[in-house]
Amino acid sequence: MGRVAAIGDVGGHPDQLRRALAWLGATEGGLPPDLTVIQVGDLVDRGPDSAGVLDIVAKLLDARRWIQLAGNHEAQYLPGGAVFWREPLAEGEVARLRQWWADGRLRVAEAVRTAEGEELLVTHAGLTLDCWQRLGEPLSATETAELLNERPELIWEIGEHGRDGGAGPLWAESGAALHEPWMGHRGVVPFGQIHGHSTVVRFADQSWRCAGRVRQRTAVDWHARHVRVRVGGRVFTGIDPGHGRTGAADWQPLVLDDALVAAPTP
């Protein structure tokens, strides 16, 4: 057991990533020995220096305690992807992402087990009820992560702009696509989740983008920029800080003490 930290979307801001690493106790020599980091994807685009972000991650990936997940902004550059960002990466950075994908260092999902025995599934956007059912309704986050890392076709699906339950774990939007269907599920919600990509609030003005039962079951840490939604006895935690083009003034990685990464390296 040790600390497991989940870092939300970075979006082309190397200064924000360095700040998060310093807060976690990392130095130029690498990560603290008790720390494993899971970054949930969307390293690139929006901010001023996507290449600088990839340079930082490239050094940490070799440490084996940095787990890099793919977001939809990485997926557009992978084989078969359709580039949608108006300022695409340079060829060298695209080649780097494709190499990480080819050798398994860029993954779809990870599972974390806490000291209390709870399992949490970590993906970029969250696993919808529909996609979980299409995976065969696995009962553990570890098994679910293994299935997703086999790269089934559903991981690429966008749905209706990410807003319906058919959206895969790189694209599902918080609220209508992710939370509402799980809240309506009559069976057991098998595990909690951690995700980035989107949120049900606007951090800039501390306003809400949802209503009804999602809002009623949501707690927000406005400083850390973490959103916790209670879903069927579990908690789904959103950690996208919403850096945009300028970066967030205040935010923190999500830290789980006395936890371990559960899913084996592919």
Protein backbone atom coordinates (compact mmCIF):
# COMPACT_ATOMS: atom_id res chain seq x y z
CA MET A 1 0.00 0.00 0.00
CA GLY A 2 1.08 3.58 -0.66
CA ARG A 3 -0.27 6.79 -2.07
CA VAL A 4 -2.07 6.74 -5.40
CA ALA A 5 -2.64 10.14 -7.00
CA ALA A 6 -4.95 10.79 -9.93
CA ILE A 7 -4.15 13.88 -11.99
CA GLY A 8 -6.92 15.37 -14.09
CA ASP A 9 -6.79 16.75 -17.62
CA VAL A 10 -3.64 18.80 -18.27
CA GLY A 11 -4.62 20.26 -21.65
CA GLY A 12 -1.26 21.54 -22.90
CA HIS A 13 -0.18 23.29 -19.67
CA PRO A 14 3.25 22.00 -18.57
CA ASP A 15 3.40 24.60 -15.79
CA GLN A 16 0.21 23.18 -14.28
CA LEU A 17 1.59 19.65 -14.47
CA ARG A 18 4.85 20.70 -12.80
CA ARG A 19 2.86 22.39 -10.07
CA ALA A 20 0.85 19.23 -9.43
CA LEU A 21 4.00 17.12 -9.31
CA ALA A 22 5.68 19.50 -6.87
CA TRP A 23 2.58 19.41 -4.65
CA LEU A 24 2.85 15.60 -4.64
CA GLY A 25 6.51 15.78 -3.60
CA ALA A 26 8.10 14.93 -6.93
CA THR A 27 11.52 16.31 -7.83
CA GLU A 28 13.69 16.32 -10.93
CA GLY A 29 14.84 12.90 -9.75
CA GLY A 30 11.33 11.50 -10.14
CA LEU A 31 8.35 10.51 -8.01
CA PRO A 32 8.52 9.84 -4.26
CA PRO A 33 9.01 6.12 -3.57
CA ASP A 34 5.59 5.75 -1.93
CA LEU A 35 3.68 7.35 -4.83
CA THR A 36 2.02 5.98 -7.96
CA VAL A 37 0.42 8.49 -10.34
CA ILE A 38 -2.45 7.86 -12.75
CA GLN A 39 -3.00 10.64 -15.27
CA VAL A 40 -6.46 10.42 -16.82
CA GLY A 41 -5.67 11.67 -20.32
CA ASP A 42 -6.11 14.86 -22.33
CA LEU A 43 -2.48 15.82 -21.86
CA VAL A 44 -2.56 17.86 -25.05
CA ASP A 45 -4.39 20.69 -26.86
CA ARG A 46 -5.89 24.00 -25.64
CA GLY A 47 -2.88 25.22 -23.67
CA PRO A 48 0.33 26.80 -24.95
CA ASP A 49 2.73 23.84 -24.96
CA SER A 50 1.48 20.31 -25.56
CA ALA A 51 4.98 19.17 -26.55
CA GLY A 52 6.28 20.40 -23.19
CA VAL A 53 3.69 18.31 -21.37
CA LEU A 54 4.66 15.21 -23.34
CA ASP A 55 8.33 15.84 -22.54
CA ILE A 56 7.55 15.76 -18.80
CA VAL A 57 5.47 12.60 -19.08
CA ALA A 58 8.06 10.84 -21.28
CA LYS A 59 10.59 10.97 -18.42
CA LEU A 60 8.11 9.69 -15.85
CA LEU A 61 6.69 6.85 -17.94
CA ASP A 62 9.98 5.00 -17.67
CA ALA A 63 9.70 5.01 -13.88
CA ARG A 64 6.85 2.41 -14.03
CA ARG A 65 4.96 4.28 -11.32
CA TRP A 66 3.40 6.70 -13.81
CA ILE A 67 0.29 5.24 -15.45
CA GLN A 68 -0.83 7.15 -18.50
CA LEU A 69 -4.40 6.87 -19.73
CA ALA A 70 -5.66 8.04 -23.11
CA GLY A 71 -8.20 10.81 -23.43
CA ASN A 72 -10.22 11.76 -26.47
CA HIS A 73 -7.60 14.38 -27.33
CA GLU A 74 -4.93 11.66 -27.54
CA ALA A 75 -7.30 9.26 -29.33
CA GLN A 76 -7.66 11.59 -32.32
CA TYR A 77 -3.96 11.08 -33.09
CA LEU A 78 -3.93 7.29 -32.74
CA PRO A 79 -4.19 4.94 -35.74
CA GLY A 80 -7.65 5.23 -37.25
CA GLY A 81 -8.47 8.39 -35.31
CA ALA A 82 -9.93 11.50 -36.95
CA VAL A 83 -8.18 14.72 -35.96
CA PHE A 84 -10.73 17.25 -34.70
CA TRP A 85 -8.58 19.84 -32.94
CA ARG A 86 -8.02 22.97 -34.98
CA GLU A 87 -4.35 23.24 -33.97
CA PRO A 88 -3.11 19.64 -34.34
CA LEU A 89 0.12 18.31 -32.87
CA ALA A 90 3.32 18.20 -34.86
CA GLU A 91 4.28 14.92 -36.50
CA GLY A 92 6.91 14.13 -33.89
CA GLU A 93 4.46 14.41 -31.02
CA VAL A 94 1.90 12.30 -32.86
CA ALA A 95 4.58 9.65 -33.40
CA ARG A 96 5.37 9.68 -29.69
CA LEU A 97 1.73 9.10 -28.71
CA ARG A 98 1.43 6.30 -31.25
CA GLN A 99 4.55 4.62 -29.86
CA TRP A 100 3.18 4.76 -26.32
CA TRP A 101 -0.06 3.24 -27.59
CA ALA A 102 1.78 0.51 -29.51
CA ASP A 103 3.93 -0.56 -26.56
CA GLY A 104 1.12 -0.41 -23.99
CA ARG A 105 2.30 2.61 -22.02
CA LEU A 106 -0.80 4.53 -23.11
CA ARG A 107 -3.77 2.70 -21.64
CA VAL A 108 -7.55 2.94 -21.51
CA ALA A 109 -8.21 2.13 -17.85
CA GLU A 110 -6.72 1.37 -14.47
CA ALA A 111 -8.14 -0.01 -11.23
CA VAL A 112 -7.28 1.10 -7.72
CA ARG A 113 -7.94 -0.78 -4.49
CA THR A 114 -8.20 1.15 -1.23
CA ALA A 115 -7.20 -0.03 2.23
CA GLU A 116 -10.89 -0.63 2.97
CA GLY A 117 -11.07 -3.07 0.04
CA GLU A 118 -13.06 -0.77 -2.25
CA GLU A 119 -12.23 -0.90 -5.93
CA LEU A 120 -12.31 2.16 -8.16
CA LEU A 121 -12.23 2.21 -11.95
CA VAL A 122 -10.16 5.03 -13.45
CA THR A 123 -10.79 6.11 -17.06
CA HIS A 124 -10.70 9.36 -18.96
CA ALA A 125 -14.43 10.09 -19.14
CA GLY A 126 -16.08 7.39 -17.02
CA LEU A 127 -17.68 4.08 -17.95
CA THR A 128 -21.39 4.37 -18.73
CA LEU A 129 -23.95 1.78 -17.70
CA ASP A 130 -24.49 0.84 -21.35
CA CYS A 131 -20.79 0.22 -21.97
CA TRP A 132 -20.45 -1.77 -18.75
CA GLN A 133 -23.33 -3.99 -19.84
CA ARG A 134 -21.76 -4.46 -23.26
CA LEU A 135 -18.56 -5.60 -21.53
CA GLY A 136 -20.58 -8.39 -19.90
CA GLU A 137 -21.27 -6.66 -16.57
CA PRO A 138 -17.92 -7.40 -14.86
CA LEU A 139 -18.27 -7.16 -11.09
CA SER A 140 -14.82 -5.79 -10.26
CA ALA A 141 -12.97 -2.68 -11.36
CA THR A 142 -9.88 -4.81 -11.97
CA GLU A 143 -11.64 -7.08 -14.45
CA THR A 144 -13.29 -4.08 -16.10
CA ALA A 145 -9.94 -2.34 -16.56
CA GLU A 146 -8.46 -5.50 -18.06
CA LEU A 147 -11.33 -5.74 -20.55
CA LEU A 148 -11.02 -2.08 -21.53
CA ASN A 149 -7.26 -2.40 -21.98
CA GLU A 150 -7.93 -5.10 -24.56
CA ARG A 151 -9.26 -2.14 -26.58
CA PRO A 152 -12.77 -3.24 -27.55
CA GLU A 153 -14.46 -1.20 -30.24
CA LEU A 154 -16.74 0.52 -27.74
CA ILE A 155 -13.87 2.66 -26.41
CA TRP A 156 -13.93 4.71 -29.63
CA GLU A 157 -17.65 5.42 -29.66
CA ILE A 158 -18.69 9.05 -29.27
CA GLY A 159 -22.44 8.65 -29.03
CA GLU A 160 -24.44 11.83 -29.57
CA HIS A 161 -21.51 14.16 -28.90
CA GLY A 162 -20.76 12.18 -25.75
CA ARG A 163 -24.16 12.97 -24.24
CA ASP A 164 -25.80 9.55 -24.35
CA GLY A 165 -25.06 6.24 -22.69
CA GLY A 166 -23.52 4.78 -25.83
CA ALA A 167 -20.47 7.03 -25.49
CA GLY A 168 -17.32 5.13 -24.63
CA PRO A 169 -14.92 5.86 -21.74
CA LEU A 170 -12.95 8.39 -23.78
CA TRP A 171 -16.03 10.48 -24.61
CA ALA A 172 -18.90 10.13 -22.10
CA GLU A 173 -20.13 13.40 -20.65
CA SER A 174 -20.85 13.80 -16.95
CA GLY A 175 -24.51 14.01 -15.98
CA ALA A 176 -26.83 12.71 -18.69
CA ALA A 177 -24.47 10.11 -20.18
CA LEU A 178 -22.58 8.92 -17.10
CA HIS A 179 -24.50 9.58 -13.89
CA GLU A 180 -28.19 9.51 -14.80
CA PRO A 181 -28.27 5.97 -16.27
CA TRP A 182 -26.28 4.53 -13.37
CA MET A 183 -28.66 6.23 -10.92
CA GLY A 184 -31.56 4.53 -12.68
CA HIS A 185 -29.90 1.10 -12.60
CA ARG A 186 -31.99 -1.36 -10.60
CA GLY A 187 -29.09 -3.64 -9.85
CA VAL A 188 -25.96 -3.15 -7.77
CA VAL A 189 -23.50 -0.50 -8.90
CA PRO A 190 -20.38 -2.69 -8.80
CA PHE A 191 -17.63 -0.12 -8.11
CA GLY A 192 -16.87 3.55 -7.81
CA GLN A 193 -15.16 5.54 -10.54
CA ILE A 194 -12.62 8.32 -11.04
CA HIS A 195 -12.65 10.27 -14.29
CA GLY A 196 -11.72 13.51 -15.99
CA HIS A 197 -13.02 14.94 -19.30
CA SER A 198 -16.07 16.85 -18.05
CA THR A 199 -17.89 17.96 -14.95
CA VAL A 200 -21.39 18.91 -13.81
CA VAL A 201 -20.25 22.32 -12.50
CA ARG A 202 -18.46 25.43 -13.77
CA PHE A 203 -15.50 26.12 -11.54
CA ALA A 204 -14.85 29.64 -12.81
CA ASP A 205 -18.05 31.05 -11.32
CA GLN A 206 -18.99 28.13 -9.02
CA SER A 207 -22.22 27.46 -10.88
CA TRP A 208 -24.02 24.25 -11.81
CA ARG A 209 -24.53 22.60 -15.19
CA CYS A 210 -27.06 20.07 -13.91
CA ALA A 211 -30.23 19.86 -11.86
CA GLY A 212 -32.42 17.18 -10.29
CA ARG A 213 -31.03 14.12 -8.58
CA VAL A 214 -27.49 14.53 -9.95
CA ARG A 215 -27.18 17.90 -8.25
CA GLN A 216 -28.82 16.61 -5.10
CA ARG A 217 -26.24 13.82 -4.84
CA THR A 218 -23.19 15.92 -5.69
CA ALA A 219 -20.58 17.41 -3.35
CA VAL A 220 -17.98 19.82 -4.75
CA ASP A 221 -14.55 20.76 -3.46
CA TRP A 222 -14.28 24.09 -5.26
CA HIS A 223 -10.65 24.64 -4.28
CA ALA A 224 -9.33 21.21 -5.31
CA ARG A 225 -11.80 21.09 -8.23
CA HIS A 226 -13.10 17.64 -7.37
CA VAL A 227 -16.74 16.67 -7.92
CA ARG A 228 -18.12 13.67 -6.04
CA VAL A 229 -21.45 12.20 -7.11
CA ARG A 230 -23.14 9.49 -5.02
CA VAL A 231 -24.39 6.73 -7.32
CA GLY A 232 -26.10 3.68 -5.86
CA GLY A 233 -23.92 3.50 -2.75
CA ARG A 234 -20.74 4.26 -4.71
CA VAL A 235 -18.98 7.53 -5.47
CA PHE A 236 -18.01 8.76 -8.92
CA THR A 237 -15.30 11.41 -8.60
CA GLY A 238 -14.63 13.86 -11.41
CA ILE A 239 -11.17 15.47 -11.41
CA ASP A 240 -11.04 17.55 -14.60
CA PRO A 241 -9.79 20.95 -13.33
CA GLY A 242 -10.98 22.78 -16.46
CA HIS A 243 -7.70 24.49 -17.35
CA GLY A 244 -8.95 25.81 -20.68
CA ARG A 245 -6.48 28.08 -22.48
CA THR A 246 -5.19 29.90 -19.41
CA GLY A 247 -4.92 27.27 -16.67
CA ALA A 248 -6.73 26.95 -13.34
CA ALA A 249 -5.69 29.20 -10.47
CA ASP A 250 -6.43 26.60 -7.77
CA TRP A 251 -6.68 22.83 -8.09
CA GLN A 252 -5.12 19.64 -6.73
CA PRO A 253 -4.64 16.04 -7.77
CA LEU A 254 -6.86 13.50 -6.03
CA VAL A 255 -4.78 11.55 -3.49
CA LEU A 256 -5.78 8.18 -2.09
CA ASP A 257 -3.72 7.18 0.94
CA ASP A 258 -3.08 3.50 1.66
CA ALA A 259 -4.12 2.36 -1.81
CA LEU A 260 -2.62 0.32 -4.59
CA VAL A 261 -2.98 -0.08 -8.31
CA ALA A 262 -4.92 -3.28 -8.89
CA ALA A 263 -4.86 -3.93 -12.62
CA PRO A 264 -1.73 -5.65 -14.00
CA THR A 265 0.42 -3.98 -16.62
CA PRO A 266 -0.49 -5.32 -20.08
